[in-house]
Every structure is written in C-alpha cells, then in structure tokens.
C-alpha cells in the first residue's frame, strides 16, 4: 500500500508559500541573461581574425563597441540581481513543498547564486575599460585584450544552474510541479553540468538563460492556474 502526500504535507514540511513575484523575477532574469550573452557576442573584438594578436588594434576596435559593452553591463547586472530574487523564491517554494530534511531547496538556490556571482564578476571590469579604451594612451593594450576575453567567458558561466535544474527535476513530482518542468530540469540540467565540467564551460551561457526563462514561465503559469 502506498500513500501519496499532497505538496507541503510531507513530514516536516511547511505550508506551501504563496506569491508569484519571485517567478516574475525569474522570467526577467532569464531574458536579461539572454540579452547579456547577446550583447557580449557583440563585443568580440578579440575574436576577429583580421586583428587577432594585435593588442593596439583590438583596443581600437573595443573603443568602437562601447555601446554594446554598456548594454552588456546593464543586462548582466539586471540578470544577476533578479537571479538572486528568483533563487530566494525558489528556495522558499521548494522548502514549503518538501520535507524539512530535504537538501534540494538549498542545492537549487545555491546553483543560481553561483551564477549571479559569475555575472557580478563578469561585469566587474566594465567601468575600468569602457572608458579606458577611449583613451588608449592611458591604457596598456594587452589589458584591454584580457578584458575582451573576460567578458567573453566569465559572465557565460551558467553551468552551476545545472544544479538548480537537476534539483528541480528531482523535486518536481514530490513538490507538485508539472511533469514537463521536471523533464526539462533533468535534460537541460544534465547538459549544463556536462558543460560545466568540460573545457567548454562558457557554452553554458547559451543554455542556462533559456532554461531559466522557460522554467520561470512554467512555474508562473502553473501557479496561476491553481
């Protein structure tokens, strides 16, 4: 004989929390993350084959991309701030649906907090260089090259979102989330974790924001439908 527990009624669980603002923040965080990656792709002077290895030329090219660099900075920081809000809301929501002894809420929130930290660090050099490349005489060109590689990799480190996605997948049935959200978490979460441990970890930036956007929309719609 088996017993099915309603979400939030497992031993040690608290009542299922209400409120959807955290899910809305997740949608916005995912969209801002997509914008961040797109803007970062528009600042790839260091990857242009005709000036590759030429630090002064790369610096001059970056000076032509300051609009994209600023767009990247704003989108990245907006995403980072909203990711924290979504992580907190997801932790609360999971904790209200799972037994108090479950580690899944902490794993889920921690994965996204690491993403926010990568975004914060990834945009941290923007102020130093968005103005510095405008005055190359006050800037060592090789440092601008480093900056170009920095914004082309660090803010793309969404691999730890795989922890969140897989944790959500593992919790989906017990927590009463839609089945497809669990399958999405296992599928894209597994891919994100594989990318995280590979030398191509920056490629997680192409997957993580999309997973977050779709997942947050799914959580928002499923909660509104009740």
C-alpha atoms as a PDB file:
ATOM      1  CA  UNK A   1       0.000   0.000   0.000  1.00  0.00           C
ATOM      2  CA  UNK A   2       1.346   3.411  -0.947  1.00  0.00           C
ATOM      3  CA  UNK A   3       0.430   6.823   0.345  1.00  0.00           C
ATOM      4  CA  UNK A   4       0.542   9.938  -1.793  1.00  0.00           C
ATOM      5  CA  UNK A   5       1.253  13.136   0.070  1.00  0.00           C
ATOM      6  CA  UNK A   6      -0.060  16.456  -1.082  1.00  0.00           C
ATOM      7  CA  UNK A   7       2.624  19.130  -1.656  1.00  0.00           C
ATOM      8  CA  UNK A   8       3.547  20.725   1.623  1.00  0.00           C
ATOM      9  CA  UNK A   9       2.063  17.898   3.720  1.00  0.00           C
ATOM     10  CA  UNK A  10       5.164  15.690   3.918  1.00  0.00           C
ATOM     11  CA  UNK A  11       6.573  15.186   7.426  1.00  0.00           C
ATOM     12  CA  UNK A  12       8.485  18.278   8.427  1.00  0.00           C
ATOM     13  CA  UNK A  13       7.229  20.360   5.523  1.00  0.00           C
ATOM     14  CA  UNK A  14       5.804  23.823   5.989  1.00  0.00           C
ATOM     15  CA  UNK A  15       2.733  25.144   4.235  1.00  0.00           C
ATOM     16  CA  UNK A  16       3.075  25.866   0.514  1.00  0.00           C
ATOM     17  CA  UNK A  17       4.021  29.551   0.162  1.00  0.00           C
ATOM     18  CA  UNK A  18       2.070  31.991  -1.935  1.00  0.00           C
ATOM     19  CA  UNK A  19       3.132  34.894  -4.121  1.00  0.00           C
ATOM     20  CA  UNK A  20       4.411  34.962  -7.674  1.00  0.00           C
ATOM     21  CA  UNK A  21       6.756  37.944  -7.749  1.00  0.00           C
ATOM     22  CA  UNK A  22       9.804  35.685  -7.487  1.00  0.00           C
ATOM     23  CA  UNK A  23       8.702  33.745 -10.580  1.00  0.00           C
ATOM     24  CA  UNK A  24       8.208  37.004 -12.483  1.00  0.00           C
ATOM     25  CA  UNK A  25      11.731  37.973 -11.395  1.00  0.00           C
ATOM     26  CA  UNK A  26      12.946  34.653 -12.805  1.00  0.00           C
ATOM     27  CA  UNK A  27      11.413  35.355 -16.204  1.00  0.00           C
ATOM     28  CA  UNK A  28      13.026  38.794 -16.270  1.00  0.00           C
ATOM     29  CA  UNK A  29      16.356  37.369 -15.072  1.00  0.00           C
ATOM     30  CA  UNK A  30      16.360  34.800 -17.853  1.00  0.00           C
ATOM     31  CA  UNK A  31      15.515  37.360 -20.532  1.00  0.00           C
ATOM     32  CA  UNK A  32      18.177  39.727 -19.203  1.00  0.00           C
ATOM     33  CA  UNK A  33      20.619  36.813 -19.218  1.00  0.00           C
ATOM     34  CA  UNK A  34      19.853  36.161 -22.880  1.00  0.00           C
ATOM     35  CA  UNK A  35      20.390  39.873 -23.598  1.00  0.00           C
ATOM     36  CA  UNK A  36      23.672  39.751 -21.659  1.00  0.00           C
ATOM     37  CA  UNK A  37      25.029  36.885 -23.742  1.00  0.00           C
ATOM     38  CA  UNK A  38      23.849  38.518 -26.970  1.00  0.00           C
ATOM     39  CA  UNK A  39      25.497  41.829 -26.052  1.00  0.00           C
ATOM     40  CA  UNK A  40      28.680  40.010 -25.068  1.00  0.00           C
ATOM     41  CA  UNK A  41      28.782  38.448 -28.528  1.00  0.00           C
ATOM     42  CA  UNK A  42      28.695  41.971 -29.930  1.00  0.00           C
ATOM     43  CA  UNK A  43      31.912  42.887 -28.107  1.00  0.00           C
ATOM     44  CA  UNK A  44      34.111  40.148 -29.561  1.00  0.00           C
ATOM     45  CA  UNK A  45      36.966  42.248 -30.884  1.00  0.00           C
ATOM     46  CA  UNK A  46      39.497  39.722 -29.533  1.00  0.00           C
ATOM     47  CA  UNK A  47      37.925  37.030 -31.688  1.00  0.00           C
ATOM     48  CA  UNK A  48      38.077  38.900 -35.007  1.00  0.00           C
ATOM     49  CA  UNK A  49      40.544  37.044 -37.207  1.00  0.00           C
ATOM     50  CA  UNK A  50      41.903  40.103 -39.026  1.00  0.00           C
ATOM     51  CA  UNK A  51      43.186  41.731 -35.802  1.00  0.00           C
ATOM     52  CA  UNK A  52      43.821  38.646 -33.678  1.00  0.00           C
ATOM     53  CA  UNK A  53      47.016  39.037 -31.650  1.00  0.00           C
ATOM     54  CA  UNK A  54      47.271  42.775 -32.390  1.00  0.00           C
ATOM     55  CA  UNK A  55      46.643  44.376 -28.990  1.00  0.00           C
ATOM     56  CA  UNK A  56      46.558  48.039 -30.146  1.00  0.00           C
ATOM     57  CA  UNK A  57      44.146  47.174 -32.976  1.00  0.00           C
ATOM     58  CA  UNK A  58      41.922  45.225 -30.603  1.00  0.00           C
ATOM     59  CA  UNK A  59      41.881  48.187 -28.225  1.00  0.00           C
ATOM     60  CA  UNK A  60      40.802  50.488 -31.049  1.00  0.00           C
ATOM     61  CA  UNK A  61      38.085  48.059 -32.067  1.00  0.00           C
ATOM     62  CA  UNK A  62      36.797  47.828 -28.486  1.00  0.00           C
ATOM     63  CA  UNK A  63      36.576  51.620 -28.445  1.00  0.00           C
ATOM     64  CA  UNK A  64      34.033  51.294 -31.270  1.00  0.00           C
ATOM     65  CA  UNK A  65      31.986  48.843 -29.214  1.00  0.00           C
ATOM     66  CA  UNK A  66      31.369  50.870 -26.062  1.00  0.00           C
ATOM     67  CA  UNK A  67      27.606  50.931 -26.676  1.00  0.00           C
ATOM     68  CA  UNK A  68      27.496  47.137 -26.775  1.00  0.00           C
ATOM     69  CA  UNK A  69      29.769  46.942 -23.735  1.00  0.00           C
ATOM     70  CA  UNK A  70      27.434  49.179 -21.737  1.00  0.00           C
ATOM     71  CA  UNK A  71      24.414  47.182 -22.876  1.00  0.00           C
ATOM     72  CA  UNK A  72      26.221  44.038 -21.789  1.00  0.00           C
ATOM     73  CA  UNK A  73      26.985  45.538 -18.385  1.00  0.00           C
ATOM     74  CA  UNK A  74      23.420  46.659 -17.694  1.00  0.00           C
ATOM     75  CA  UNK A  75      21.825  43.417 -18.884  1.00  0.00           C
ATOM     76  CA  UNK A  76      24.287  41.298 -16.927  1.00  0.00           C
ATOM     77  CA  UNK A  77      23.776  43.178 -13.679  1.00  0.00           C
ATOM     78  CA  UNK A  78      19.991  43.243 -14.047  1.00  0.00           C
ATOM     79  CA  UNK A  79      20.071  39.492 -14.571  1.00  0.00           C
ATOM     80  CA  UNK A  80      22.402  38.944 -11.595  1.00  0.00           C
ATOM     81  CA  UNK A  81      20.182  40.900  -9.218  1.00  0.00           C
ATOM     82  CA  UNK A  82      16.986  39.206 -10.361  1.00  0.00           C
ATOM     83  CA  UNK A  83      18.584  35.756 -10.294  1.00  0.00           C
ATOM     84  CA  UNK A  84      19.125  36.250  -6.551  1.00  0.00           C
ATOM     85  CA  UNK A  85      15.438  37.114  -6.090  1.00  0.00           C
ATOM     86  CA  UNK A  86      14.356  34.066  -8.066  1.00  0.00           C
ATOM     87  CA  UNK A  87      16.779  31.821  -6.163  1.00  0.00           C
ATOM     88  CA  UNK A  88      15.352  33.001  -2.846  1.00  0.00           C
ATOM     89  CA  UNK A  89      11.777  32.466  -4.010  1.00  0.00           C
ATOM     90  CA  UNK A  90      12.544  29.029  -5.413  1.00  0.00           C
ATOM     91  CA  UNK A  91      14.196  28.018  -2.140  1.00  0.00           C
ATOM     92  CA  UNK A  92      11.133  29.144  -0.196  1.00  0.00           C
ATOM     93  CA  UNK A  93       8.746  27.434  -2.595  1.00  0.00           C
ATOM     94  CA  UNK A  94      10.617  24.123  -2.523  1.00  0.00           C
ATOM     95  CA  UNK A  95      11.072  24.256   1.232  1.00  0.00           C
ATOM     96  CA  UNK A  96       7.320  24.692   1.602  1.00  0.00           C
ATOM     97  CA  UNK A  97       6.602  21.643  -0.540  1.00  0.00           C
ATOM     98  CA  UNK A  98       9.310  19.189   0.571  1.00  0.00           C
ATOM     99  CA  UNK A  99      10.221  17.620   3.903  1.00  0.00           C
ATOM    100  CA  UNK A 100      12.309  19.862   6.142  1.00  0.00           C
ATOM    101  CA  UNK A 101      15.203  17.387   5.894  1.00  0.00           C
ATOM    102  CA  UNK A 102      15.494  17.751   2.102  1.00  0.00           C
ATOM    103  CA  UNK A 103      18.674  19.340   0.761  1.00  0.00           C
ATOM    104  CA  UNK A 104      17.127  20.086  -2.628  1.00  0.00           C
ATOM    105  CA  UNK A 105      15.966  23.649  -1.794  1.00  0.00           C
ATOM    106  CA  UNK A 106      19.487  24.649  -0.745  1.00  0.00           C
ATOM    107  CA  UNK A 107      21.112  22.984  -3.756  1.00  0.00           C
ATOM    108  CA  UNK A 108      18.622  24.658  -6.096  1.00  0.00           C
ATOM    109  CA  UNK A 109      19.192  28.148  -4.718  1.00  0.00           C
ATOM    110  CA  UNK A 110      22.965  27.733  -4.389  1.00  0.00           C
ATOM    111  CA  UNK A 111      23.363  26.836  -8.061  1.00  0.00           C
ATOM    112  CA  UNK A 112      21.741  30.106  -9.108  1.00  0.00           C
ATOM    113  CA  UNK A 113      23.618  32.167  -6.536  1.00  0.00           C
ATOM    114  CA  UNK A 114      26.861  30.956  -8.111  1.00  0.00           C
ATOM    115  CA  UNK A 115      25.535  32.102 -11.495  1.00  0.00           C
ATOM    116  CA  UNK A 116      24.818  35.545 -10.027  1.00  0.00           C
ATOM    117  CA  UNK A 117      28.362  35.661  -8.618  1.00  0.00           C
ATOM    118  CA  UNK A 118      29.810  34.846 -12.056  1.00  0.00           C
ATOM    119  CA  UNK A 119      27.696  37.597 -13.601  1.00  0.00           C
ATOM    120  CA  UNK A 120      28.813  40.093 -10.970  1.00  0.00           C
ATOM    121  CA  UNK A 121      32.470  39.255 -11.567  1.00  0.00           C
ATOM    122  CA  UNK A 122      31.978  39.081 -15.326  1.00  0.00           C
ATOM    123  CA  UNK A 123      30.738  42.660 -15.452  1.00  0.00           C
ATOM    124  CA  UNK A 124      33.095  43.937 -12.754  1.00  0.00           C
ATOM    125  CA  UNK A 125      35.757  45.282 -15.108  1.00  0.00           C
ATOM    126  CA  UNK A 126      33.365  47.191 -17.359  1.00  0.00           C
ATOM    127  CA  UNK A 127      33.787  50.592 -15.718  1.00  0.00           C
ATOM    128  CA  UNK A 128      37.567  50.313 -15.851  1.00  0.00           C
ATOM    129  CA  UNK A 129      37.697  49.579 -19.562  1.00  0.00           C
ATOM    130  CA  UNK A 130      34.626  51.089 -21.196  1.00  0.00           C
ATOM    131  CA  UNK A 131      36.231  54.476 -20.569  1.00  0.00           C
ATOM    132  CA  UNK A 132      39.834  53.279 -20.726  1.00  0.00           C
ATOM    133  CA  UNK A 133      39.651  52.112 -24.330  1.00  0.00           C
ATOM    134  CA  UNK A 134      38.565  55.632 -25.272  1.00  0.00           C
ATOM    135  CA  UNK A 135      41.983  56.896 -24.175  1.00  0.00           C
ATOM    136  CA  UNK A 136      44.464  54.205 -25.273  1.00  0.00           C
ATOM    137  CA  UNK A 137      47.444  56.328 -24.222  1.00  0.00           C
ATOM    138  CA  UNK A 138      46.387  55.745 -20.606  1.00  0.00           C
ATOM    139  CA  UNK A 139      45.844  52.026 -21.142  1.00  0.00           C
ATOM    140  CA  UNK A 140      48.201  49.111 -21.723  1.00  0.00           C
ATOM    141  CA  UNK A 141      46.684  47.464 -24.838  1.00  0.00           C
ATOM    142  CA  UNK A 142      47.287  43.942 -23.569  1.00  0.00           C
ATOM    143  CA  UNK A 143      44.999  44.609 -20.599  1.00  0.00           C
ATOM    144  CA  UNK A 144      42.201  45.541 -22.987  1.00  0.00           C
ATOM    145  CA  UNK A 145      42.730  42.206 -24.714  1.00  0.00           C
ATOM    146  CA  UNK A 146      42.334  40.475 -21.355  1.00  0.00           C
ATOM    147  CA  UNK A 147      39.129  42.434 -20.775  1.00  0.00           C
ATOM    148  CA  UNK A 148      37.781  41.266 -24.123  1.00  0.00           C
ATOM    149  CA  UNK A 149      38.379  37.642 -23.190  1.00  0.00           C
ATOM    150  CA  UNK A 150      36.980  38.258 -19.702  1.00  0.00           C
ATOM    151  CA  UNK A 151      33.573  39.488 -20.841  1.00  0.00           C
ATOM    152  CA  UNK A 152      33.508  36.777 -23.481  1.00  0.00           C
ATOM    153  CA  UNK A 153      33.775  33.976 -20.914  1.00  0.00           C
ATOM    154  CA  UNK A 154      33.134  34.765 -17.234  1.00  0.00           C
ATOM    155  CA  UNK A 155      29.522  36.009 -17.474  1.00  0.00           C
ATOM    156  CA  UNK A 156      28.742  32.983 -19.641  1.00  0.00           C
ATOM    157  CA  UNK A 157      29.429  30.609 -16.729  1.00  0.00           C
ATOM    158  CA  UNK A 158      25.887  29.387 -16.206  1.00  0.00           C
ATOM    159  CA  UNK A 159      26.971  25.785 -15.620  1.00  0.00           C
ATOM    160  CA  UNK A 160      26.028  25.734 -11.952  1.00  0.00           C
ATOM    161  CA  UNK A 161      22.441  26.464 -12.964  1.00  0.00           C
ATOM    162  CA  UNK A 162      22.550  22.776 -13.841  1.00  0.00           C
ATOM    163  CA  UNK A 163      22.483  22.049 -10.115  1.00  0.00           C
ATOM    164  CA  UNK A 164      19.297  24.081  -9.840  1.00  0.00           C
ATOM    165  CA  UNK A 165      17.720  22.441 -12.865  1.00  0.00           C
ATOM    166  CA  UNK A 166      18.501  18.891 -11.760  1.00  0.00           C
ATOM    167  CA  UNK A 167      17.381  19.622  -8.187  1.00  0.00           C
ATOM    168  CA  UNK A 168      14.111  20.981  -9.549  1.00  0.00           C
ATOM    169  CA  UNK A 169      13.770  17.878 -11.697  1.00  0.00           C
ATOM    170  CA  UNK A 170      14.309  15.614  -8.707  1.00  0.00           C
ATOM    171  CA  UNK A 171      11.823  17.569  -6.619  1.00  0.00           C
ATOM    172  CA  UNK A 172       9.177  18.112  -9.283  1.00  0.00           C
ATOM    173  CA  UNK A 173       6.989  15.093  -8.513  1.00  0.00           C
ATOM    174  CA  UNK A 174       7.010  15.450  -4.732  1.00  0.00           C
ATOM    175  CA  UNK A 175       6.616  19.215  -4.973  1.00  0.00           C
ATOM    176  CA  UNK A 176       3.637  19.007  -7.308  1.00  0.00           C
ATOM    177  CA  UNK A 177       5.258  20.806 -10.243  1.00  0.00           C
ATOM    178  CA  UNK A 178       4.260  19.995 -13.830  1.00  0.00           C
ATOM    179  CA  UNK A 179       5.951  16.840 -15.121  1.00  0.00           C
ATOM    180  CA  UNK A 180       7.439  18.639 -18.110  1.00  0.00           C
ATOM    181  CA  UNK A 181       9.310  21.011 -15.796  1.00  0.00           C
ATOM    182  CA  UNK A 182      10.957  18.011 -14.170  1.00  0.00           C
ATOM    183  CA  UNK A 183      11.919  16.523 -17.524  1.00  0.00           C
ATOM    184  CA  UNK A 184      13.274  19.886 -18.666  1.00  0.00           C
ATOM    185  CA  UNK A 185      15.291  20.171 -15.473  1.00  0.00           C
ATOM    186  CA  UNK A 186      16.836  16.749 -15.888  1.00  0.00           C
ATOM    187  CA  UNK A 187      17.558  17.252 -19.600  1.00  0.00           C
ATOM    188  CA  UNK A 188      18.963  20.774 -19.727  1.00  0.00           C
ATOM    189  CA  UNK A 189      20.343  20.494 -16.202  1.00  0.00           C
ATOM    190  CA  UNK A 190      22.366  17.458 -17.187  1.00  0.00           C
ATOM    191  CA  UNK A 191      23.653  19.297 -20.257  1.00  0.00           C
ATOM    192  CA  UNK A 192      24.621  22.321 -18.162  1.00  0.00           C
ATOM    193  CA  UNK A 193      26.538  20.151 -15.701  1.00  0.00           C
ATOM    194  CA  UNK A 194      28.365  18.387 -18.528  1.00  0.00           C
ATOM    195  CA  UNK A 195      29.354  21.757 -19.966  1.00  0.00           C
ATOM    196  CA  UNK A 196      30.414  22.962 -16.514  1.00  0.00           C
ATOM    197  CA  UNK A 197      32.984  20.196 -16.102  1.00  0.00           C
ATOM    198  CA  UNK A 198      34.245  20.439 -19.677  1.00  0.00           C
ATOM    199  CA  UNK A 199      36.746  22.928 -21.144  1.00  0.00           C
ATOM    200  CA  UNK A 200      33.768  24.435 -22.984  1.00  0.00           C
ATOM    201  CA  UNK A 201      32.038  25.558 -19.797  1.00  0.00           C
ATOM    202  CA  UNK A 202      31.356  29.024 -21.189  1.00  0.00           C
ATOM    203  CA  UNK A 203      28.927  27.421 -23.653  1.00  0.00           C
ATOM    204  CA  UNK A 204      26.546  27.026 -20.719  1.00  0.00           C
ATOM    205  CA  UNK A 205      25.719  30.682 -21.325  1.00  0.00           C
ATOM    206  CA  UNK A 206      23.815  29.599 -24.423  1.00  0.00           C
ATOM    207  CA  UNK A 207      21.658  27.178 -22.429  1.00  0.00           C
ATOM    208  CA  UNK A 208      21.272  28.483 -18.872  1.00  0.00           C
ATOM    209  CA  UNK A 209      19.318  31.695 -19.545  1.00  0.00           C
ATOM    210  CA  UNK A 210      16.928  29.833 -21.850  1.00  0.00           C
ATOM    211  CA  UNK A 211      16.325  27.147 -19.231  1.00  0.00           C
ATOM    212  CA  UNK A 212      15.708  29.804 -16.565  1.00  0.00           C
ATOM    213  CA  UNK A 213      13.266  31.751 -18.739  1.00  0.00           C
ATOM    214  CA  UNK A 214      11.210  28.695 -19.713  1.00  0.00           C
ATOM    215  CA  UNK A 215      11.253  27.277 -16.190  1.00  0.00           C
ATOM    216  CA  UNK A 216      10.198  30.550 -14.567  1.00  0.00           C
ATOM    217  CA  UNK A 217       7.369  30.936 -17.080  1.00  0.00           C
ATOM    218  CA  UNK A 218       6.314  27.353 -16.361  1.00  0.00           C
ATOM    219  CA  UNK A 219       6.278  27.950 -12.621  1.00  0.00           C
ATOM    220  CA  UNK A 220       4.375  31.192 -13.061  1.00  0.00           C
ATOM    221  CA  UNK A 221       1.717  29.671 -15.320  1.00  0.00           C
ATOM    222  CA  UNK A 222       1.313  26.535 -13.205  1.00  0.00           C
ATOM    223  CA  UNK A 223       0.802  28.549 -10.038  1.00  0.00           C
ATOM    224  CA  UNK A 224      -1.646  30.943 -11.662  1.00  0.00           C
ATOM    225  CA  UNK A 225      -3.631  28.033 -12.960  1.00  0.00           C
ATOM    226  CA  UNK A 226      -4.498  26.921  -9.420  1.00  0.00           C
END
